Amino acid sequence: MTSEPTLTSGFPLGSSAGLVAAFEWLGKPYRLTRVDMLGEMRTDAFKRLNGRVETPVLITGEGRVLTETMAIALWLEARDTERRITFEPGTPEADRLHQYVAFLNTGFTGAFTPLWVALEAEDASEEERETLRKFGRGFVAKRHQQLEAMIGDSNYLLGDKPTLADAVLAGVARWADFHEAIDPRDYPRILAVRQRVEADPAFRFAVAVEDGRPAIGSGAMKGLVPLADVLRETSAALAA
């Protein structure tokens, strides 16, 4: 028996906030569960859900477990029959969407790795941390330069309404502020897109959920489910 798909929303500053916004824009029923990435995500129970110890994770209505942002984005695309956040398969617009999402989910996201390592490496010396921060800031600046060159004059990455690409960008781009990696004003096109998406009710809802604050969304979210319940349901489905 199928039910609503369930998406994990990692906190603090999870990239999955962008996918929550995408679910809101899509408008189809789904559930959410918040995951503390500094605690709950590192437990053996979560590792059985995703052995790579990462969010996001999507549990489909049929109980299948799907990991990796790109895979979840393609799952959303396949269900976007009204083309609210994607484009008709095989069109130049769809190809461009895939190009953006792939770049954002690989090079752009990966550029922040040295900065996260510098923050989280307990045994690193201050000299090692500073070396990581230096390399990280350089990588982040390079990827921002590349993305800035990709963006045209439209309000969003691919036209005048937000798409999956904008959702993936919004979930990750705020890391630059947290790490003080670049001056956002040096990349005016990226900044303009970010400001539009971050002001959107769907993304504001995603951030409120992430922060554990009361939030009112579009009505598509049908339940904020405790992680323990999701892990129990998933274990039962996999054992069936």
Foldseek 3Di string as FASTA:
>chain_A
DFDAKEKEQEDDLALCLLVQLQLQQLLAAHAYEYDHLVPRLPDPLNCVLPVVSGDIWMQGRLLDIDHDPLRVQVVSVVVSPVQRAADDPPDPRRVVLNVLLVCLRPQQQVLQVLQVCLVPVPPDDPVSSVVSLVSSLVSNVVSLVVQLVQADDAQARRHPHHHSSLSSCLSRVCVCVVSVSDDVVVRVNSVSNNVVVCPDLSSVQSNCVNVVHDHDGPPSHDYHDYPVVVSVVSVVSVVD
